[in-house]
Amino acid sequence: MKLLRVLAAAAMFTGILSGCLALLLLVILMVRFPPLLIAVLLTCWIISRLNTRSKPSR
């Protein structure tokens, strides 16, 4: 049981570490290439507009 818990903790650690690394690389790419930053901001804006439109009004 302890071995399973250690393996689960190691898998969680590697998953969190790889997620943080991917986020850091995305930020570095957005700083180096401004069109990528504009594309990400535009995508977030479009998604937020679609979410507010799809919510039913009461």
N, C-alpha and C. Protein backbone atom coordinates (compact mmCIF):
# COMPACT_ATOMS: atom_id res chain seq x y z
N MET A 1 0.82 -1.19 0.00
CA MET A 1 0.00 0.00 0.00
C MET A 1 0.87 1.26 0.00
N LYS A 2 1.99 1.22 0.76
CA LYS A 2 2.88 2.38 0.78
C LYS A 2 3.52 2.60 -0.58
N LEU A 3 3.86 1.51 -1.26
CA LEU A 3 4.47 1.63 -2.58
C LEU A 3 3.51 2.28 -3.56
N LEU A 4 2.25 1.91 -3.50
CA LEU A 4 1.24 2.50 -4.38
C LEU A 4 1.09 3.99 -4.09
N ARG A 5 1.13 4.36 -2.83
CA ARG A 5 1.01 5.77 -2.45
C ARG A 5 2.22 6.57 -2.94
N VAL A 6 3.41 5.97 -2.85
CA VAL A 6 4.62 6.64 -3.32
C VAL A 6 4.58 6.80 -4.83
N LEU A 7 4.14 5.77 -5.55
CA LEU A 7 4.04 5.86 -7.00
C LEU A 7 3.00 6.90 -7.42
N ALA A 8 1.89 6.98 -6.71
CA ALA A 8 0.87 7.99 -7.02
C ALA A 8 1.41 9.39 -6.76
N ALA A 9 2.14 9.57 -5.68
CA ALA A 9 2.73 10.87 -5.39
C ALA A 9 3.76 11.25 -6.44
N ALA A 10 4.56 10.29 -6.88
CA ALA A 10 5.55 10.57 -7.92
C ALA A 10 4.87 10.94 -9.24
N ALA A 11 3.78 10.26 -9.58
CA ALA A 11 3.05 10.58 -10.80
C ALA A 11 2.42 11.96 -10.72
N MET A 12 1.87 12.31 -9.56
CA MET A 12 1.30 13.64 -9.38
C MET A 12 2.39 14.71 -9.48
N PHE A 13 3.53 14.46 -8.89
CA PHE A 13 4.63 15.41 -8.94
C PHE A 13 5.10 15.64 -10.37
N THR A 14 5.28 14.57 -11.14
CA THR A 14 5.74 14.73 -12.52
C THR A 14 4.67 15.42 -13.36
N GLY A 15 3.41 15.16 -13.09
CA GLY A 15 2.34 15.83 -13.83
C GLY A 15 2.30 17.32 -13.54
N ILE A 16 2.41 17.69 -12.28
CA ILE A 16 2.42 19.10 -11.92
C ILE A 16 3.65 19.79 -12.47
N LEU A 17 4.79 19.13 -12.38
CA LEU A 17 6.03 19.71 -12.90
C LEU A 17 5.97 19.92 -14.40
N SER A 18 5.44 18.96 -15.14
CA SER A 18 5.36 19.12 -16.59
C SER A 18 4.34 20.19 -16.97
N GLY A 19 3.26 20.31 -16.20
CA GLY A 19 2.30 21.38 -16.46
C GLY A 19 2.89 22.76 -16.24
N CYS A 20 3.64 22.91 -15.16
CA CYS A 20 4.31 24.19 -14.89
C CYS A 20 5.34 24.50 -15.95
N LEU A 21 6.06 23.51 -16.40
CA LEU A 21 7.06 23.71 -17.45
C LEU A 21 6.40 24.13 -18.76
N ALA A 22 5.27 23.51 -19.10
CA ALA A 22 4.56 23.88 -20.32
C ALA A 22 4.05 25.31 -20.24
N LEU A 23 3.53 25.70 -19.07
CA LEU A 23 3.05 27.06 -18.89
C LEU A 23 4.19 28.07 -18.98
N LEU A 24 5.33 27.74 -18.40
CA LEU A 24 6.49 28.63 -18.46
C LEU A 24 7.00 28.78 -19.89
N LEU A 25 7.04 27.69 -20.64
CA LEU A 25 7.46 27.77 -22.03
C LEU A 25 6.49 28.58 -22.87
N LEU A 26 5.19 28.47 -22.58
CA LEU A 26 4.20 29.27 -23.30
C LEU A 26 4.39 30.76 -23.02
N VAL A 27 4.66 31.11 -21.78
CA VAL A 27 4.91 32.51 -21.43
C VAL A 27 6.16 33.02 -22.13
N ILE A 28 7.22 32.22 -22.16
CA ILE A 28 8.45 32.63 -22.84
C ILE A 28 8.20 32.82 -24.33
N LEU A 29 7.44 31.93 -24.94
CA LEU A 29 7.12 32.08 -26.36
C LEU A 29 6.28 33.32 -26.62
N MET A 30 5.34 33.62 -25.72
CA MET A 30 4.50 34.80 -25.91
C MET A 30 5.31 36.08 -25.78
N VAL A 31 6.32 36.07 -24.93
CA VAL A 31 7.17 37.26 -24.78
C VAL A 31 8.07 37.43 -26.01
N ARG A 32 8.57 36.33 -26.53
CA ARG A 32 9.49 36.42 -27.67
C ARG A 32 8.76 36.69 -28.99
N PHE A 33 7.53 36.20 -29.13
CA PHE A 33 6.76 36.37 -30.36
C PHE A 33 5.44 37.07 -30.03
N PRO A 34 5.38 38.41 -30.17
CA PRO A 34 4.17 39.15 -29.82
C PRO A 34 2.90 38.72 -30.57
N PRO A 35 2.98 38.26 -31.83
CA PRO A 35 1.73 37.80 -32.47
C PRO A 35 1.08 36.63 -31.72
N LEU A 36 1.89 35.80 -31.09
CA LEU A 36 1.33 34.70 -30.30
C LEU A 36 0.58 35.24 -29.09
N LEU A 37 1.13 36.28 -28.47
CA LEU A 37 0.45 36.92 -27.34
C LEU A 37 -0.88 37.52 -27.78
N ILE A 38 -0.89 38.17 -28.94
CA ILE A 38 -2.12 38.75 -29.46
C ILE A 38 -3.14 37.65 -29.76
N ALA A 39 -2.69 36.52 -30.31
CA ALA A 39 -3.59 35.42 -30.62
C ALA A 39 -4.19 34.82 -29.35
N VAL A 40 -3.38 34.67 -28.31
CA VAL A 40 -3.88 34.11 -27.05
C VAL A 40 -4.88 35.06 -26.40
N LEU A 41 -4.57 36.35 -26.39
CA LEU A 41 -5.50 37.32 -25.81
C LEU A 41 -6.81 37.38 -26.59
N LEU A 42 -6.73 37.32 -27.91
CA LEU A 42 -7.93 37.33 -28.73
C LEU A 42 -8.76 36.08 -28.50
N THR A 43 -8.11 34.95 -28.36
CA THR A 43 -8.83 33.70 -28.09
C THR A 43 -9.54 33.76 -26.74
N CYS A 44 -8.85 34.26 -25.72
CA CYS A 44 -9.49 34.39 -24.40
C CYS A 44 -10.68 35.34 -24.45
N TRP A 45 -10.55 36.42 -25.21
CA TRP A 45 -11.65 37.38 -25.32
C TRP A 45 -12.85 36.76 -26.02
N ILE A 46 -12.60 36.01 -27.10
CA ILE A 46 -13.69 35.37 -27.83
C ILE A 46 -14.38 34.33 -26.96
N ILE A 47 -13.61 33.55 -26.22
CA ILE A 47 -14.20 32.52 -25.36
C ILE A 47 -15.04 33.15 -24.26
N SER A 48 -14.56 34.25 -23.69
CA SER A 48 -15.34 34.91 -22.63
C SER A 48 -16.62 35.49 -23.20
N ARG A 49 -16.58 36.04 -24.41
CA ARG A 49 -17.80 36.57 -25.04
C ARG A 49 -18.80 35.44 -25.32
N LEU A 50 -18.29 34.30 -25.79
CA LEU A 50 -19.18 33.17 -26.06
C LEU A 50 -19.80 32.63 -24.78
N ASN A 51 -19.02 32.60 -23.69
CA ASN A 51 -19.56 32.12 -22.43
C ASN A 51 -20.64 33.03 -21.88
N THR A 52 -20.48 34.34 -22.02
CA THR A 52 -21.50 35.25 -21.50
C THR A 52 -22.75 35.20 -22.36
N ARG A 53 -22.60 34.95 -23.65
CA ARG A 53 -23.77 34.85 -24.51
C ARG A 53 -24.54 33.57 -24.32
N SER A 54 -23.85 32.51 -24.01
CA SER A 54 -24.52 31.21 -23.91
C SER A 54 -25.26 31.03 -22.58
N LYS A 55 -24.98 31.89 -21.59
CA LYS A 55 -25.67 31.77 -20.31
C LYS A 55 -27.11 32.27 -20.46
N PRO A 56 -28.07 31.48 -20.00
CA PRO A 56 -29.46 31.92 -20.12
C PRO A 56 -29.75 33.08 -19.17
N SER A 57 -30.50 34.05 -19.67
CA SER A 57 -30.86 35.18 -18.82
C SER A 57 -32.11 34.83 -18.02
N ARG A 58 -32.12 35.26 -16.76
CA ARG A 58 -33.25 34.91 -15.89
C ARG A 58 -34.19 36.07 -15.74
